[in-house]
Amino acid sequence: MYLRTILFSALVLFCTSTALAQRPGPEFWRKVGCEPLEPRTKLEAIEDRHSTVVVKGFTRITTVDVRGVRIDAIEMRELGNAARAKGLVVVLREGGERPDDNRAFVDYEEIDPLLNAIDAIARVDETATKLTGFEARYKTQGDLEIGVFRQTTRGTAVILTTGICDRATATLSLDDLAKVRAMIQEAKARLDEIR
């Protein structure tokens, strides 16, 4: 009787240990601690799908060049499904020893509010507050952040930021911000052509 109990316990232990040692499938994978568990944009939702074919179409906007900033008009769809999204991908490249890219998705529905925010931010200056310094920021759902702040006593600077964990930043002038706005406007026009 004692031998049977030991053999049965060993068999149960052997069977359960192999089941516990298996890795969970993609539906159980957790994102990095500082990334949100749910996608915040439609583009992120389609890109994060598992066990399906995702088709991406994109056009890089190259008519204007801003150092360290790339903007693509993008369309994503899932084969065999009606799921489709379009918008922008804003990529910032940080220099240094190891150049690194970081991107932010902007859904099509967010483009017009983003353009309006850029117009409003570009007009902010020292008259916006009675205090000596000022700052104005706008952030999209996909973590593209645009900020304007007082850099010197007479100068205003712009900072673009993408990402959550490994944030990338680019410091621009107001003229560069106008170029970024023109790139976004052109990307929106490209997306309007594919309706």
N, C-alpha and C. Protein backbone atom coordinates (compact mmCIF):
# COMPACT_ATOMS: atom_id res chain seq x y z
N MET A 1 0.82 -1.19 0.00
CA MET A 1 0.00 0.00 0.00
C MET A 1 0.87 1.26 0.00
N TYR A 2 1.89 1.25 0.82
CA TYR A 2 2.80 2.39 0.90
C TYR A 2 3.49 2.62 -0.43
N LEU A 3 3.91 1.55 -1.13
CA LEU A 3 4.57 1.65 -2.42
C LEU A 3 3.64 2.23 -3.48
N ARG A 4 2.36 1.82 -3.44
CA ARG A 4 1.38 2.35 -4.39
C ARG A 4 1.20 3.86 -4.21
N THR A 5 1.14 4.32 -3.01
CA THR A 5 0.97 5.75 -2.73
C THR A 5 2.17 6.54 -3.25
N ILE A 6 3.37 6.02 -3.06
CA ILE A 6 4.57 6.71 -3.55
C ILE A 6 4.58 6.74 -5.06
N LEU A 7 4.26 5.61 -5.72
CA LEU A 7 4.24 5.56 -7.18
C LEU A 7 3.16 6.49 -7.75
N PHE A 8 1.99 6.49 -7.13
CA PHE A 8 0.92 7.36 -7.59
C PHE A 8 1.31 8.84 -7.43
N SER A 9 1.91 9.19 -6.31
CA SER A 9 2.36 10.57 -6.09
C SER A 9 3.44 10.97 -7.09
N ALA A 10 4.35 10.07 -7.39
CA ALA A 10 5.40 10.35 -8.37
C ALA A 10 4.80 10.56 -9.75
N LEU A 11 3.80 9.75 -10.11
CA LEU A 11 3.14 9.88 -11.42
C LEU A 11 2.42 11.23 -11.52
N VAL A 12 1.70 11.61 -10.47
CA VAL A 12 0.99 12.90 -10.47
C VAL A 12 1.98 14.05 -10.56
N LEU A 13 3.05 13.98 -9.80
CA LEU A 13 4.08 15.01 -9.84
C LEU A 13 4.70 15.12 -11.22
N PHE A 14 4.98 14.00 -11.85
CA PHE A 14 5.57 14.00 -13.20
C PHE A 14 4.63 14.63 -14.21
N CYS A 15 3.35 14.26 -14.17
CA CYS A 15 2.37 14.80 -15.12
C CYS A 15 2.14 16.29 -14.93
N THR A 16 2.01 16.74 -13.69
CA THR A 16 1.75 18.16 -13.46
C THR A 16 2.97 19.03 -13.71
N SER A 17 4.17 18.49 -13.49
CA SER A 17 5.36 19.31 -13.71
C SER A 17 5.55 19.62 -15.19
N THR A 18 5.23 18.69 -16.09
CA THR A 18 5.36 18.98 -17.52
C THR A 18 4.30 19.98 -17.96
N ALA A 19 3.12 19.92 -17.38
CA ALA A 19 2.07 20.88 -17.73
C ALA A 19 2.43 22.28 -17.23
N LEU A 20 3.01 22.37 -16.05
CA LEU A 20 3.38 23.67 -15.50
C LEU A 20 4.59 24.28 -16.20
N ALA A 21 5.42 23.44 -16.80
CA ALA A 21 6.64 23.93 -17.43
C ALA A 21 6.39 24.53 -18.80
N GLN A 22 5.21 24.35 -19.37
CA GLN A 22 4.94 24.89 -20.70
C GLN A 22 4.74 26.39 -20.62
N ARG A 23 5.14 27.06 -21.69
CA ARG A 23 5.02 28.51 -21.75
C ARG A 23 3.61 28.88 -22.16
N PRO A 24 3.09 29.98 -21.63
CA PRO A 24 1.76 30.41 -22.03
C PRO A 24 1.78 30.97 -23.45
N GLY A 25 0.65 30.91 -24.11
CA GLY A 25 0.53 31.43 -25.47
C GLY A 25 0.48 32.94 -25.48
N PRO A 26 0.41 33.55 -26.67
CA PRO A 26 0.44 35.01 -26.79
C PRO A 26 -0.68 35.70 -26.04
N GLU A 27 -1.81 35.02 -25.86
CA GLU A 27 -2.91 35.68 -25.16
C GLU A 27 -2.60 35.92 -23.69
N PHE A 28 -1.56 35.28 -23.16
CA PHE A 28 -1.19 35.46 -21.77
C PHE A 28 0.07 36.30 -21.59
N TRP A 29 0.71 36.70 -22.65
CA TRP A 29 1.92 37.50 -22.53
C TRP A 29 1.56 38.86 -21.97
N ARG A 30 2.37 39.35 -21.08
CA ARG A 30 2.17 40.66 -20.50
C ARG A 30 3.14 41.63 -21.14
N LYS A 31 2.71 42.83 -21.31
CA LYS A 31 3.60 43.85 -21.85
C LYS A 31 4.56 44.30 -20.77
N VAL A 32 5.54 45.10 -21.19
CA VAL A 32 6.49 45.66 -20.25
C VAL A 32 5.72 46.48 -19.21
N GLY A 33 6.23 46.53 -18.01
CA GLY A 33 5.53 47.15 -16.90
C GLY A 33 5.03 48.56 -17.13
N CYS A 34 5.74 49.37 -17.89
CA CYS A 34 5.31 50.75 -18.06
C CYS A 34 4.44 50.94 -19.31
N GLU A 35 4.20 49.90 -20.08
CA GLU A 35 3.33 50.01 -21.25
C GLU A 35 1.90 49.68 -20.84
N PRO A 36 0.91 50.35 -21.45
CA PRO A 36 -0.48 50.04 -21.10
C PRO A 36 -0.85 48.64 -21.58
N LEU A 37 -1.75 48.00 -20.84
CA LEU A 37 -2.16 46.64 -21.20
C LEU A 37 -3.04 46.62 -22.44
N GLU A 38 -3.82 47.66 -22.64
CA GLU A 38 -4.71 47.74 -23.79
C GLU A 38 -4.17 48.73 -24.80
N PRO A 39 -4.32 48.45 -26.10
CA PRO A 39 -3.90 49.44 -27.11
C PRO A 39 -4.76 50.70 -27.00
N ARG A 40 -4.13 51.85 -27.21
CA ARG A 40 -4.84 53.11 -27.08
C ARG A 40 -5.32 53.66 -28.40
N THR A 41 -4.75 53.21 -29.50
CA THR A 41 -5.19 53.66 -30.82
C THR A 41 -5.65 52.46 -31.64
N LYS A 42 -6.42 52.75 -32.68
CA LYS A 42 -6.87 51.67 -33.58
C LYS A 42 -5.68 51.04 -34.29
N LEU A 43 -4.69 51.86 -34.64
CA LEU A 43 -3.49 51.33 -35.31
C LEU A 43 -2.73 50.37 -34.41
N GLU A 44 -2.59 50.71 -33.14
CA GLU A 44 -1.92 49.82 -32.19
C GLU A 44 -2.70 48.52 -32.03
N ALA A 45 -4.03 48.61 -32.01
CA ALA A 45 -4.86 47.42 -31.83
C ALA A 45 -4.66 46.43 -32.97
N ILE A 46 -4.58 46.94 -34.19
CA ILE A 46 -4.38 46.04 -35.33
C ILE A 46 -2.96 45.50 -35.34
N GLU A 47 -1.97 46.35 -35.04
CA GLU A 47 -0.59 45.89 -35.08
C GLU A 47 -0.30 44.84 -34.01
N ASP A 48 -0.99 44.89 -32.88
CA ASP A 48 -0.74 43.96 -31.78
C ASP A 48 -1.46 42.62 -31.94
N ARG A 49 -2.20 42.41 -33.02
CA ARG A 49 -2.94 41.16 -33.19
C ARG A 49 -2.00 39.99 -33.41
N HIS A 50 -2.38 38.85 -32.87
CA HIS A 50 -1.62 37.61 -33.02
C HIS A 50 -2.39 36.64 -33.91
N SER A 51 -1.68 35.72 -34.53
CA SER A 51 -2.25 34.63 -35.32
C SER A 51 -3.12 35.13 -36.47
N THR A 52 -2.72 36.22 -37.07
CA THR A 52 -3.43 36.78 -38.21
C THR A 52 -2.44 37.53 -39.10
N VAL A 53 -2.82 37.73 -40.33
CA VAL A 53 -1.97 38.47 -41.27
C VAL A 53 -2.41 39.93 -41.28
N VAL A 54 -1.49 40.82 -40.96
CA VAL A 54 -1.75 42.25 -40.95
C VAL A 54 -1.00 42.87 -42.13
N VAL A 55 -1.73 43.59 -42.98
CA VAL A 55 -1.14 44.25 -44.14
C VAL A 55 -1.01 45.74 -43.83
N LYS A 56 0.20 46.28 -44.03
CA LYS A 56 0.45 47.70 -43.81
C LYS A 56 0.80 48.35 -45.14
N GLY A 57 0.20 49.48 -45.38
CA GLY A 57 0.59 50.33 -46.49
C GLY A 57 1.04 51.65 -45.92
N PHE A 58 2.12 52.21 -46.45
CA PHE A 58 2.59 53.47 -45.89
C PHE A 58 3.24 54.32 -46.96
N THR A 59 3.23 55.60 -46.74
CA THR A 59 3.89 56.58 -47.59
C THR A 59 4.70 57.49 -46.68
N ARG A 60 6.00 57.52 -46.92
CA ARG A 60 6.87 58.40 -46.14
C ARG A 60 6.76 59.81 -46.72
N ILE A 61 6.57 60.78 -45.87
CA ILE A 61 6.45 62.18 -46.29
C ILE A 61 7.86 62.77 -46.35
N THR A 62 8.28 63.12 -47.57
CA THR A 62 9.66 63.58 -47.76
C THR A 62 9.75 64.96 -48.40
N THR A 63 8.63 65.65 -48.58
CA THR A 63 8.69 66.95 -49.23
C THR A 63 9.39 68.00 -48.36
N VAL A 64 9.28 67.83 -47.05
CA VAL A 64 9.95 68.73 -46.10
C VAL A 64 10.81 67.85 -45.21
N ASP A 65 11.98 68.36 -44.82
CA ASP A 65 12.88 67.57 -43.98
C ASP A 65 13.12 68.29 -42.66
N VAL A 66 12.84 67.58 -41.57
CA VAL A 66 13.15 68.08 -40.24
C VAL A 66 14.06 67.05 -39.60
N ARG A 67 15.23 67.49 -39.21
CA ARG A 67 16.24 66.57 -38.66
C ARG A 67 15.69 65.81 -37.45
N GLY A 68 15.77 64.49 -37.52
CA GLY A 68 15.35 63.64 -36.41
C GLY A 68 13.88 63.30 -36.38
N VAL A 69 13.08 63.81 -37.33
CA VAL A 69 11.64 63.57 -37.34
C VAL A 69 11.24 62.95 -38.68
N ARG A 70 10.49 61.85 -38.61
CA ARG A 70 9.96 61.22 -39.82
C ARG A 70 8.46 61.00 -39.62
N ILE A 71 7.69 61.30 -40.65
CA ILE A 71 6.24 61.11 -40.58
C ILE A 71 5.82 60.26 -41.76
N ASP A 72 5.04 59.21 -41.47
CA ASP A 72 4.50 58.32 -42.49
C ASP A 72 2.98 58.33 -42.39
N ALA A 73 2.33 58.37 -43.56
CA ALA A 73 0.90 58.08 -43.61
C ALA A 73 0.80 56.56 -43.67
N ILE A 74 -0.09 55.98 -42.87
CA ILE A 74 -0.14 54.52 -42.78
C ILE A 74 -1.58 54.04 -42.79
N GLU A 75 -1.76 52.88 -43.41
CA GLU A 75 -3.04 52.18 -43.39
C GLU A 75 -2.75 50.73 -43.01
N MET A 76 -3.51 50.19 -42.08
CA MET A 76 -3.36 48.79 -41.67
C MET A 76 -4.70 48.10 -41.80
N ARG A 77 -4.63 46.85 -42.23
CA ARG A 77 -5.85 46.04 -42.26
C ARG A 77 -5.50 44.59 -42.01
N GLU A 78 -6.47 43.89 -41.52
CA GLU A 78 -6.30 42.48 -41.22
C GLU A 78 -6.94 41.68 -42.35
N LEU A 79 -6.19 40.74 -42.91
CA LEU A 79 -6.73 39.91 -43.99
C LEU A 79 -7.89 39.07 -43.48
N GLY A 80 -8.94 38.99 -44.27
CA GLY A 80 -10.09 38.17 -43.90
C GLY A 80 -10.98 38.79 -42.85
N ASN A 81 -10.77 40.04 -42.53
CA ASN A 81 -11.55 40.71 -41.52
C ASN A 81 -11.78 42.15 -41.98
N ALA A 82 -12.81 42.75 -41.50
CA ALA A 82 -13.10 44.14 -41.88
C ALA A 82 -12.28 45.14 -41.08
N ALA A 83 -11.48 44.67 -40.14
CA ALA A 83 -10.70 45.57 -39.30
C ALA A 83 -9.72 46.36 -40.16
N ARG A 84 -9.84 47.69 -40.09
CA ARG A 84 -8.99 48.58 -40.89
C ARG A 84 -8.80 49.87 -40.10
N ALA A 85 -7.60 50.41 -40.18
CA ALA A 85 -7.32 51.69 -39.51
C ALA A 85 -6.31 52.45 -40.34
N LYS A 86 -6.40 53.77 -40.26
CA LYS A 86 -5.40 54.59 -40.94
C LYS A 86 -5.06 55.78 -40.06
N GLY A 87 -3.88 56.33 -40.34
CA GLY A 87 -3.42 57.46 -39.53
C GLY A 87 -1.98 57.77 -39.83
N LEU A 88 -1.26 58.21 -38.81
CA LEU A 88 0.13 58.62 -38.95
C LEU A 88 1.02 57.80 -38.04
N VAL A 89 2.26 57.69 -38.44
CA VAL A 89 3.30 57.20 -37.56
C VAL A 89 4.34 58.31 -37.50
N VAL A 90 4.58 58.82 -36.30
CA VAL A 90 5.59 59.86 -36.10
C VAL A 90 6.79 59.17 -35.45
N VAL A 91 7.92 59.21 -36.13
CA VAL A 91 9.12 58.53 -35.66
C VAL A 91 10.16 59.59 -35.31
N LEU A 92 10.70 59.48 -34.10
CA LEU A 92 11.77 60.37 -33.67
C LEU A 92 13.05 59.55 -33.57
N ARG A 93 14.12 60.09 -34.10
CA ARG A 93 15.42 59.42 -34.02
C ARG A 93 16.33 60.23 -33.14
N GLU A 94 16.77 59.59 -32.07
CA GLU A 94 17.74 60.24 -31.19
C GLU A 94 19.12 59.85 -31.63
N GLY A 95 20.02 60.81 -31.69
CA GLY A 95 21.40 60.55 -32.07
C GLY A 95 22.19 60.00 -30.90
N GLY A 96 23.47 60.15 -30.97
CA GLY A 96 24.32 59.66 -29.90
C GLY A 96 25.15 58.48 -30.37
N GLU A 97 25.68 57.74 -29.41
CA GLU A 97 26.51 56.58 -29.75
C GLU A 97 25.73 55.53 -30.52
N ARG A 98 24.53 55.23 -30.03
CA ARG A 98 23.67 54.26 -30.70
C ARG A 98 22.36 54.95 -31.06
N PRO A 99 22.19 55.37 -32.31
CA PRO A 99 20.93 56.02 -32.68
C PRO A 99 19.75 55.07 -32.46
N ASP A 100 18.67 55.62 -31.96
CA ASP A 100 17.51 54.80 -31.64
C ASP A 100 16.25 55.51 -32.14
N ASP A 101 15.35 54.73 -32.74
CA ASP A 101 14.07 55.26 -33.21
C ASP A 101 12.99 54.95 -32.18
N ASN A 102 12.04 55.84 -32.06
CA ASN A 102 10.87 55.61 -31.23
C ASN A 102 9.69 56.20 -31.97
N ARG A 103 8.54 55.54 -31.91
CA ARG A 103 7.41 55.98 -32.72
C ARG A 103 6.15 56.15 -31.90
N ALA A 104 5.24 56.91 -32.47
CA ALA A 104 3.92 57.11 -31.89
C ALA A 104 2.90 57.02 -33.01
N PHE A 105 1.81 56.30 -32.75
CA PHE A 105 0.71 56.21 -33.71
C PHE A 105 -0.30 57.30 -33.44
N VAL A 106 -0.84 57.88 -34.51
CA VAL A 106 -1.91 58.87 -34.41
C VAL A 106 -3.02 58.41 -35.34
N ASP A 107 -4.18 58.06 -34.78
CA ASP A 107 -5.32 57.64 -35.60
C ASP A 107 -5.81 58.79 -36.47
N TYR A 108 -6.47 58.45 -37.58
CA TYR A 108 -6.95 59.45 -38.52
C TYR A 108 -7.85 60.49 -37.82
N GLU A 109 -8.69 60.03 -36.90
CA GLU A 109 -9.63 60.92 -36.22
C GLU A 109 -8.90 61.94 -35.34
N GLU A 110 -7.67 61.68 -34.98
CA GLU A 110 -6.91 62.59 -34.12
C GLU A 110 -6.10 63.63 -34.91
N ILE A 111 -6.04 63.49 -36.23
CA ILE A 111 -5.17 64.37 -37.01
C ILE A 111 -5.64 65.82 -36.97
N ASP A 112 -6.93 66.07 -37.21
CA ASP A 112 -7.41 67.45 -37.19
C ASP A 112 -7.25 68.11 -35.81
N PRO A 113 -7.59 67.42 -34.71
CA PRO A 113 -7.31 68.03 -33.40
C PRO A 113 -5.81 68.28 -33.17
N LEU A 114 -4.96 67.39 -33.70
CA LEU A 114 -3.52 67.59 -33.58
C LEU A 114 -3.08 68.83 -34.34
N LEU A 115 -3.58 69.02 -35.56
CA LEU A 115 -3.24 70.21 -36.35
C LEU A 115 -3.71 71.48 -35.65
N ASN A 116 -4.92 71.43 -35.09
CA ASN A 116 -5.44 72.60 -34.34
C ASN A 116 -4.59 72.89 -33.11
N ALA A 117 -4.15 71.83 -32.43
CA ALA A 117 -3.31 72.01 -31.24
C ALA A 117 -1.96 72.60 -31.62
N ILE A 118 -1.39 72.17 -32.74
CA ILE A 118 -0.12 72.75 -33.19
C ILE A 118 -0.27 74.24 -33.46
N ASP A 119 -1.39 74.61 -34.11
CA ASP A 119 -1.64 76.03 -34.37
C ASP A 119 -1.73 76.82 -33.07
N ALA A 120 -2.44 76.26 -32.08
CA ALA A 120 -2.61 76.96 -30.80
C ALA A 120 -1.29 77.03 -30.04
N ILE A 121 -0.54 75.95 -30.03
CA ILE A 121 0.73 75.91 -29.31
C ILE A 121 1.74 76.89 -29.92
N ALA A 122 1.74 76.99 -31.23
CA ALA A 122 2.69 77.88 -31.91
C ALA A 122 2.45 79.35 -31.56
N ARG A 123 1.21 79.68 -31.17
CA ARG A 123 0.88 81.07 -30.82
C ARG A 123 1.17 81.41 -29.36
N VAL A 124 1.42 80.42 -28.52
CA VAL A 124 1.66 80.67 -27.10
C VAL A 124 3.01 81.37 -26.94
N ASP A 125 3.00 82.45 -26.15
CA ASP A 125 4.25 83.17 -25.87
C ASP A 125 4.16 83.72 -24.44
N GLU A 126 5.05 84.64 -24.10
CA GLU A 126 5.12 85.15 -22.73
C GLU A 126 3.87 85.92 -22.31
N THR A 127 3.01 86.30 -23.25
CA THR A 127 1.78 87.00 -22.89
C THR A 127 0.71 86.04 -22.36
N ALA A 128 0.94 84.75 -22.43
CA ALA A 128 -0.05 83.76 -21.98
C ALA A 128 -0.15 83.70 -20.46
N THR A 129 0.88 84.18 -19.77
CA THR A 129 0.89 84.15 -18.31
C THR A 129 1.62 85.39 -17.80
N LYS A 130 1.35 85.75 -16.57
CA LYS A 130 2.04 86.90 -15.97
C LYS A 130 3.35 86.50 -15.32
N LEU A 131 3.59 85.19 -15.24
CA LEU A 131 4.84 84.71 -14.67
C LEU A 131 5.93 84.71 -15.75
N THR A 132 7.17 84.56 -15.34
CA THR A 132 8.28 84.72 -16.29
C THR A 132 8.42 83.55 -17.27
N GLY A 133 8.10 82.35 -16.85
CA GLY A 133 8.22 81.20 -17.74
C GLY A 133 6.86 80.72 -18.21
N PHE A 134 6.86 80.00 -19.30
CA PHE A 134 5.60 79.44 -19.79
C PHE A 134 5.88 78.11 -20.47
N GLU A 135 4.83 77.32 -20.57
CA GLU A 135 4.88 76.04 -21.26
C GLU A 135 3.48 75.68 -21.71
N ALA A 136 3.36 75.11 -22.90
CA ALA A 136 2.09 74.61 -23.40
C ALA A 136 2.35 73.24 -24.00
N ARG A 137 1.48 72.26 -23.70
CA ARG A 137 1.69 70.90 -24.18
C ARG A 137 0.41 70.33 -24.74
N TYR A 138 0.58 69.38 -25.67
CA TYR A 138 -0.55 68.61 -26.22
C TYR A 138 -0.07 67.18 -26.39
N LYS A 139 -0.93 66.23 -26.01
CA LYS A 139 -0.54 64.82 -26.08
C LYS A 139 -1.65 64.02 -26.76
N THR A 140 -1.27 63.15 -27.70
CA THR A 140 -2.24 62.30 -28.38
C THR A 140 -2.42 61.00 -27.60
N GLN A 141 -3.39 60.20 -28.02
CA GLN A 141 -3.65 58.91 -27.38
C GLN A 141 -2.45 57.97 -27.48
N GLY A 142 -1.71 58.06 -28.59
CA GLY A 142 -0.57 57.18 -28.83
C GLY A 142 0.75 57.72 -28.33
N ASP A 143 0.72 58.67 -27.43
CA ASP A 143 1.90 59.22 -26.76
C ASP A 143 2.83 60.04 -27.65
N LEU A 144 2.27 60.79 -28.57
CA LEU A 144 3.02 61.85 -29.23
C LEU A 144 2.74 63.11 -28.42
N GLU A 145 3.78 63.72 -27.92
CA GLU A 145 3.61 64.92 -27.11
C GLU A 145 4.36 66.07 -27.75
N ILE A 146 3.68 67.21 -27.88
CA ILE A 146 4.28 68.42 -28.43
C ILE A 146 4.20 69.48 -27.36
N GLY A 147 5.35 70.10 -27.08
CA GLY A 147 5.38 71.14 -26.07
C GLY A 147 6.15 72.35 -26.54
N VAL A 148 5.70 73.51 -26.12
CA VAL A 148 6.39 74.78 -26.41
C VAL A 148 6.73 75.40 -25.06
N PHE A 149 7.94 75.92 -24.95
CA PHE A 149 8.35 76.50 -23.68
C PHE A 149 9.33 77.63 -23.94
N ARG A 150 9.51 78.47 -22.92
CA ARG A 150 10.47 79.56 -23.01
C ARG A 150 11.87 78.98 -22.84
N GLN A 151 12.70 79.18 -23.85
CA GLN A 151 14.06 78.66 -23.79
C GLN A 151 15.03 79.73 -23.29
N THR A 152 14.90 80.92 -23.81
CA THR A 152 15.73 82.05 -23.38
C THR A 152 14.79 83.23 -23.13
N THR A 153 15.36 84.37 -22.80
CA THR A 153 14.50 85.52 -22.52
C THR A 153 13.70 85.96 -23.74
N ARG A 154 14.19 85.69 -24.93
CA ARG A 154 13.46 86.08 -26.14
C ARG A 154 13.15 84.91 -27.06
N GLY A 155 13.50 83.73 -26.67
CA GLY A 155 13.33 82.60 -27.57
C GLY A 155 12.38 81.54 -27.04
N THR A 156 11.68 80.93 -27.96
CA THR A 156 10.76 79.85 -27.65
C THR A 156 11.26 78.60 -28.35
N ALA A 157 11.18 77.47 -27.65
CA ALA A 157 11.61 76.20 -28.23
C ALA A 157 10.45 75.22 -28.21
N VAL A 158 10.55 74.22 -29.06
CA VAL A 158 9.54 73.19 -29.18
C VAL A 158 10.20 71.85 -28.87
N ILE A 159 9.50 71.00 -28.16
CA ILE A 159 10.00 69.67 -27.89
C ILE A 159 8.95 68.65 -28.32
N LEU A 160 9.37 67.68 -29.11
CA LEU A 160 8.52 66.56 -29.52
C LEU A 160 8.99 65.34 -28.74
N THR A 161 8.05 64.56 -28.23
CA THR A 161 8.37 63.37 -27.46
C THR A 161 7.48 62.23 -27.91
N THR A 162 8.06 61.03 -28.04
CA THR A 162 7.28 59.83 -28.34
C THR A 162 7.66 58.74 -27.35
N GLY A 163 6.72 57.84 -27.12
CA GLY A 163 6.99 56.67 -26.30
C GLY A 163 6.62 56.85 -24.84
N ILE A 164 6.63 55.69 -24.15
CA ILE A 164 6.33 55.68 -22.73
C ILE A 164 7.58 55.26 -21.97
N CYS A 165 8.07 54.08 -22.28
CA CYS A 165 9.22 53.52 -21.54
C CYS A 165 10.52 54.18 -21.97
N ASP A 166 10.87 53.99 -23.21
CA ASP A 166 12.10 54.56 -23.77
C ASP A 166 11.71 55.77 -24.59
N ARG A 167 11.52 56.89 -23.93
CA ARG A 167 11.06 58.10 -24.61
C ARG A 167 12.16 58.66 -25.51
N ALA A 168 11.75 59.12 -26.67
CA ALA A 168 12.66 59.81 -27.57
C ALA A 168 12.19 61.26 -27.66
N THR A 169 13.13 62.18 -27.70
CA THR A 169 12.77 63.59 -27.77
C THR A 169 13.55 64.27 -28.89
N ALA A 170 12.94 65.30 -29.44
CA ALA A 170 13.59 66.13 -30.44
C ALA A 170 13.27 67.58 -30.08
N THR A 171 14.29 68.40 -30.01
CA THR A 171 14.11 69.83 -29.73
C THR A 171 14.13 70.58 -31.05
N LEU A 172 13.09 71.37 -31.29
CA LEU A 172 12.91 72.07 -32.56
C LEU A 172 12.69 73.55 -32.33
N SER A 173 12.74 74.28 -33.43
CA SER A 173 12.37 75.69 -33.40
C SER A 173 10.91 75.80 -33.84
N LEU A 174 10.34 77.00 -33.71
CA LEU A 174 8.97 77.20 -34.19
C LEU A 174 8.88 77.02 -35.71
N ASP A 175 9.95 77.35 -36.44
CA ASP A 175 9.97 77.12 -37.88
C ASP A 175 9.93 75.63 -38.20
N ASP A 176 10.67 74.83 -37.42
CA ASP A 176 10.63 73.38 -37.60
C ASP A 176 9.26 72.82 -37.27
N LEU A 177 8.59 73.39 -36.25
CA LEU A 177 7.24 72.95 -35.92
C LEU A 177 6.29 73.22 -37.08
N ALA A 178 6.46 74.34 -37.75
CA ALA A 178 5.64 74.64 -38.93
C ALA A 178 5.89 73.61 -40.03
N LYS A 179 7.13 73.16 -40.17
CA LYS A 179 7.44 72.12 -41.16
C LYS A 179 6.81 70.79 -40.77
N VAL A 180 6.85 70.45 -39.49
CA VAL A 180 6.21 69.21 -39.01
C VAL A 180 4.71 69.28 -39.28
N ARG A 181 4.11 70.45 -39.04
CA ARG A 181 2.69 70.62 -39.31
C ARG A 181 2.39 70.41 -40.79
N ALA A 182 3.24 70.94 -41.66
CA ALA A 182 3.05 70.76 -43.10
C ALA A 182 3.17 69.28 -43.48
N MET A 183 4.08 68.56 -42.84
CA MET A 183 4.22 67.12 -43.10
C MET A 183 2.96 66.37 -42.67
N ILE A 184 2.42 66.72 -41.52
CA ILE A 184 1.20 66.08 -41.04
C ILE A 184 0.04 66.39 -41.97
N GLN A 185 -0.05 67.63 -42.42
CA GLN A 185 -1.11 68.03 -43.35
C GLN A 185 -1.00 67.25 -44.66
N GLU A 186 0.22 67.07 -45.15
CA GLU A 186 0.40 66.31 -46.38
C GLU A 186 0.05 64.84 -46.19
N ALA A 187 0.42 64.28 -45.04
CA ALA A 187 0.08 62.88 -44.75
C ALA A 187 -1.44 62.71 -44.70
N LYS A 188 -2.14 63.66 -44.11
CA LYS A 188 -3.60 63.60 -44.06
C LYS A 188 -4.19 63.65 -45.47
N ALA A 189 -3.62 64.49 -46.34
CA ALA A 189 -4.09 64.57 -47.72
C ALA A 189 -3.89 63.23 -48.44
N ARG A 190 -2.77 62.57 -48.18
CA ARG A 190 -2.53 61.24 -48.78
C ARG A 190 -3.55 60.23 -48.28
N LEU A 191 -3.89 60.30 -47.01
CA LEU A 191 -4.88 59.37 -46.45
C LEU A 191 -6.28 59.66 -47.01
N ASP A 192 -6.57 60.93 -47.26
CA ASP A 192 -7.87 61.28 -47.83
C ASP A 192 -8.03 60.74 -49.24
N GLU A 193 -6.92 60.58 -49.95
CA GLU A 193 -6.97 60.04 -51.32
C GLU A 193 -7.38 58.58 -51.36
N ILE A 194 -7.16 57.82 -50.29
CA ILE A 194 -7.43 56.38 -50.32
C ILE A 194 -8.79 56.02 -49.75
N ARG A 195 -9.64 56.96 -49.52
CA ARG A 195 -10.97 56.66 -48.93
C ARG A 195 -11.70 55.66 -49.70
